[in-house]
C-alpha atoms as a PDB file:
ATOM      1  CA  MET A   1      33.267 -10.451  13.434  1.00  0.00           C
ATOM      2  CA  ASN A   2      33.797 -10.742   9.738  1.00  0.00           C
ATOM      3  CA  PHE A   3      34.715  -7.953   7.459  1.00  0.00           C
ATOM      4  CA  PRO A   4      35.259  -9.115   3.876  1.00  0.00           C
ATOM      5  CA  GLU A   5      37.843  -6.834   2.099  1.00  0.00           C
ATOM      6  CA  ASN A   6      36.101  -7.241  -1.315  1.00  0.00           C
ATOM      7  CA  LEU A   7      32.958  -5.473  -0.283  1.00  0.00           C
ATOM      8  CA  LYS A   8      31.828  -1.902   0.103  1.00  0.00           C
ATOM      9  CA  TYR A   9      30.064  -0.787   3.325  1.00  0.00           C
ATOM     10  CA  SER A  10      27.529   1.948   4.092  1.00  0.00           C
ATOM     11  CA  ALA A  11      27.039   3.845   7.345  1.00  0.00           C
ATOM     12  CA  ASP A  12      23.588   2.219   7.610  1.00  0.00           C
ATOM     13  CA  HIS A  13      25.370  -1.141   8.033  1.00  0.00           C
ATOM     14  CA  GLU A  14      24.577  -2.599   4.586  1.00  0.00           C
ATOM     15  CA  TRP A  15      27.268  -4.286   2.380  1.00  0.00           C
ATOM     16  CA  VAL A  16      27.584  -4.286  -1.385  1.00  0.00           C
ATOM     17  CA  SER A  17      29.306  -6.758  -3.667  1.00  0.00           C
ATOM     18  CA  VAL A  18      29.735  -5.620  -7.328  1.00  0.00           C
ATOM     19  CA  GLU A  19      29.943  -7.791 -10.335  1.00  0.00           C
ATOM     20  CA  GLY A  20      29.932  -5.595 -13.584  1.00  0.00           C
ATOM     21  CA  ASN A  21      26.943  -3.244 -13.157  1.00  0.00           C
ATOM     22  CA  ILE A  22      25.166  -5.609 -10.749  1.00  0.00           C
ATOM     23  CA  ALA A  23      25.252  -4.734  -7.125  1.00  0.00           C
ATOM     24  CA  THR A  24      24.217  -7.454  -4.433  1.00  0.00           C
ATOM     25  CA  ILE A  25      23.149  -6.062  -1.122  1.00  0.00           C
ATOM     26  CA  GLY A  26      22.682  -7.425   2.426  1.00  0.00           C
ATOM     27  CA  VAL A  27      23.396  -6.500   6.045  1.00  0.00           C
ATOM     28  CA  THR A  28      26.688  -6.650   7.682  1.00  0.00           C
ATOM     29  CA  ASP A  29      27.848  -9.196  10.215  1.00  0.00           C
ATOM     30  CA  HIS A  30      27.957  -6.331  12.818  1.00  0.00           C
ATOM     31  CA  ALA A  31      24.322  -5.352  12.065  1.00  0.00           C
ATOM     32  CA  GLN A  32      22.908  -8.856  12.520  1.00  0.00           C
ATOM     33  CA  SER A  33      24.815  -9.274  15.807  1.00  0.00           C
ATOM     34  CA  GLU A  34      23.464  -6.042  17.081  1.00  0.00           C
ATOM     35  CA  LEU A  35      19.878  -6.842  16.106  1.00  0.00           C
ATOM     36  CA  GLY A  36      19.957 -10.435  17.563  1.00  0.00           C
ATOM     37  CA  ASP A  37      17.932 -13.368  16.265  1.00  0.00           C
ATOM     38  CA  ILE A  38      16.435 -12.424  12.933  1.00  0.00           C
ATOM     39  CA  ALA A  39      12.755 -13.333  12.747  1.00  0.00           C
ATOM     40  CA  TYR A  40      11.714 -11.704   9.400  1.00  0.00           C
ATOM     41  CA  VAL A  41      12.957  -9.949   6.422  1.00  0.00           C
ATOM     42  CA  ASP A  42      10.526  -7.851   4.470  1.00  0.00           C
ATOM     43  CA  ILE A  43      11.557  -6.541   1.082  1.00  0.00           C
ATOM     44  CA  ALA A  44       9.055  -3.711   0.416  1.00  0.00           C
ATOM     45  CA  VAL A  45      10.104  -2.899  -3.264  1.00  0.00           C
ATOM     46  CA  GLU A  46       8.753  -4.720  -6.258  1.00  0.00           C
ATOM     47  CA  LEU A  47      10.895  -6.208  -8.930  1.00  0.00           C
ATOM     48  CA  ASN A  48      11.971  -3.847 -11.803  1.00  0.00           C
ATOM     49  CA  SER A  49      11.312  -0.854  -9.586  1.00  0.00           C
ATOM     50  CA  ASN A  50      13.792   2.032  -9.671  1.00  0.00           C
ATOM     51  CA  ILE A  51      14.990   2.903  -6.306  1.00  0.00           C
ATOM     52  CA  SER A  52      17.508   5.593  -5.060  1.00  0.00           C
ATOM     53  CA  ALA A  53      20.324   5.449  -2.777  1.00  0.00           C
ATOM     54  CA  GLY A  54      19.264   6.448   0.747  1.00  0.00           C
ATOM     55  CA  GLU A  55      15.747   4.976   0.311  1.00  0.00           C
ATOM     56  CA  SER A  56      14.322   2.096   2.456  1.00  0.00           C
ATOM     57  CA  PHE A  57      13.999  -1.097   0.469  1.00  0.00           C
ATOM     58  CA  GLY A  58      12.392  -2.936   3.321  1.00  0.00           C
ATOM     59  CA  THR A  59      12.818  -3.896   7.005  1.00  0.00           C
ATOM     60  CA  ILE A  60      14.543  -6.581   9.161  1.00  0.00           C
ATOM     61  CA  GLU A  61      12.741  -7.770  12.245  1.00  0.00           C
ATOM     62  CA  ALA A  62      14.638  -9.303  15.141  1.00  0.00           C
ATOM     63  CA  VAL A  63      13.890 -10.259  18.744  1.00  0.00           C
ATOM     64  CA  LYS A  64      15.427  -6.842  19.891  1.00  0.00           C
ATOM     65  CA  ALA A  65      14.170  -4.424  17.193  1.00  0.00           C
ATOM     66  CA  VAL A  66      12.877  -3.688  13.713  1.00  0.00           C
ATOM     67  CA  SER A  67      15.249  -1.882  11.373  1.00  0.00           C
ATOM     68  CA  ASP A  68      14.950  -0.277   7.987  1.00  0.00           C
ATOM     69  CA  LEU A  69      17.023  -1.527   5.254  1.00  0.00           C
ATOM     70  CA  MET A  70      18.521   1.378   3.382  1.00  0.00           C
ATOM     71  CA  LEU A  71      19.735   1.176  -0.225  1.00  0.00           C
ATOM     72  CA  PRO A  72      23.438   2.251  -0.540  1.00  0.00           C
ATOM     73  CA  VAL A  73      23.346   2.737  -4.383  1.00  0.00           C
ATOM     74  CA  SER A  74      20.669   3.628  -6.940  1.00  0.00           C
ATOM     75  CA  GLY A  75      19.336   1.278  -9.524  1.00  0.00           C
ATOM     76  CA  LYS A  76      16.634  -1.072 -10.761  1.00  0.00           C
ATOM     77  CA  LEU A  77      15.697  -4.053  -8.479  1.00  0.00           C
ATOM     78  CA  ILE A  78      16.288  -7.167 -10.535  1.00  0.00           C
ATOM     79  CA  GLU A  79      16.283 -10.034  -7.866  1.00  0.00           C
ATOM     80  CA  ILE A  80      15.016 -10.700  -4.416  1.00  0.00           C
ATOM     81  CA  ASN A  81      16.459 -13.488  -2.232  1.00  0.00           C
ATOM     82  CA  GLU A  82      13.184 -15.284  -1.711  1.00  0.00           C
ATOM     83  CA  SER A  83      14.912 -17.993   0.413  1.00  0.00           C
ATOM     84  CA  LEU A  84      14.999 -15.550   3.350  1.00  0.00           C
ATOM     85  CA  ASN A  85      11.009 -15.874   3.672  1.00  0.00           C
ATOM     86  CA  ASP A  86      11.541 -19.391   4.881  1.00  0.00           C
ATOM     87  CA  ASN A  87      15.017 -19.009   6.551  1.00  0.00           C
ATOM     88  CA  PRO A  88      15.466 -15.408   7.890  1.00  0.00           C
ATOM     89  CA  ALA A  89      17.959 -16.780  10.411  1.00  0.00           C
ATOM     90  CA  ALA A  90      20.387 -17.236   7.561  1.00  0.00           C
ATOM     91  CA  VAL A  91      21.112 -13.367   8.075  1.00  0.00           C
ATOM     92  CA  ASN A  92      22.603 -14.549  11.516  1.00  0.00           C
ATOM     93  CA  SER A  93      24.587 -17.459  10.212  1.00  0.00           C
ATOM     94  CA  ASP A  94      25.775 -16.374   6.799  1.00  0.00           C
ATOM     95  CA  PRO A  95      25.203 -12.539   6.413  1.00  0.00           C
ATOM     96  CA  TYR A  96      27.630 -12.244   3.386  1.00  0.00           C
ATOM     97  CA  GLY A  97      26.648 -15.399   1.670  1.00  0.00           C
ATOM     98  CA  GLN A  98      23.275 -17.085   1.367  1.00  0.00           C
ATOM     99  CA  ALA A  99      21.631 -14.120   3.162  1.00  0.00           C
ATOM    100  CA  TRP A 100      22.165 -11.553   0.541  1.00  0.00           C
ATOM    101  CA  MET A 101      18.856  -9.724   0.205  1.00  0.00           C
ATOM    102  CA  ILE A 102      18.515  -7.941  -3.161  1.00  0.00           C
ATOM    103  CA  LYS A 103      20.303  -7.530  -6.410  1.00  0.00           C
ATOM    104  CA  ILE A 104      20.054  -4.171  -8.430  1.00  0.00           C
ATOM    105  CA  GLU A 105      21.270  -3.052 -11.747  1.00  0.00           C
ATOM    106  CA  MET A 106      23.061   0.156 -10.683  1.00  0.00           C
ATOM    107  CA  SER A 107      22.187   3.304 -12.486  1.00  0.00           C
ATOM    108  CA  ASN A 108      25.077   5.397 -11.056  1.00  0.00           C
ATOM    109  CA  PRO A 109      28.057   3.222 -10.215  1.00  0.00           C
ATOM    110  CA  SER A 110      29.833   6.316  -9.065  1.00  0.00           C
ATOM    111  CA  GLU A 111      27.923   6.238  -5.886  1.00  0.00           C
ATOM    112  CA  LEU A 112      30.035   3.311  -4.879  1.00  0.00           C
ATOM    113  CA  ASP A 113      32.838   5.911  -4.242  1.00  0.00           C
ATOM    114  CA  SER A 114      30.875   7.250  -1.210  1.00  0.00           C
ATOM    115  CA  LEU A 115      30.848   3.910   0.427  1.00  0.00           C
ATOM    116  CA  MET A 116      33.611   2.603   2.815  1.00  0.00           C
ATOM    117  CA  ASP A 117      36.115  -0.196   2.383  1.00  0.00           C
ATOM    118  CA  ALA A 118      36.405  -2.783   5.247  1.00  0.00           C
ATOM    119  CA  SER A 119      38.996  -0.697   7.244  1.00  0.00           C
ATOM    120  CA  GLY A 120      36.634   2.381   7.037  1.00  0.00           C
ATOM    121  CA  TYR A 121      33.762   0.433   8.240  1.00  0.00           C
ATOM    122  CA  LYS A 122      35.744  -1.113  11.099  1.00  0.00           C
ATOM    123  CA  ALA A 123      36.657   2.404  12.168  1.00  0.00           C
ATOM    124  CA  LEU A 124      33.036   3.606  12.001  1.00  0.00           C
ATOM    125  CA  ILE A 125      31.852   0.796  14.406  1.00  0.00           C
ATOM    126  CA  GLY A 126      34.900   0.879  16.545  1.00  0.00           C
ATOM    127  CA  ALA A 127      36.136  -2.633  15.672  1.00  0.00           C
END
């Protein structure tokens, strides 16, 4: 299982990559492996919407289950990875790369302080 050191992680199994004030968000390798084969990703928030940390921004559907996608930081949704509509299986093959889900312009970057680093996330899931 892969745990990139440059990312932040939420207890809801989302990862966050930060570049300036922009956060790119997806689901962790652990989450995709627990869910199984991903069949559908539904981003339920419209572009330019303001959303708050802890809110659901959509769902991910797999053979085993449907799970809510929870926002780890607050901000304005500025980009959705539309390629997941045609290729949701990318979440299984490349969860930290081509399967990123959304990008937001953070409204409160200090929320990143409440997220875990790779070692904290590994401890949470017992890896």
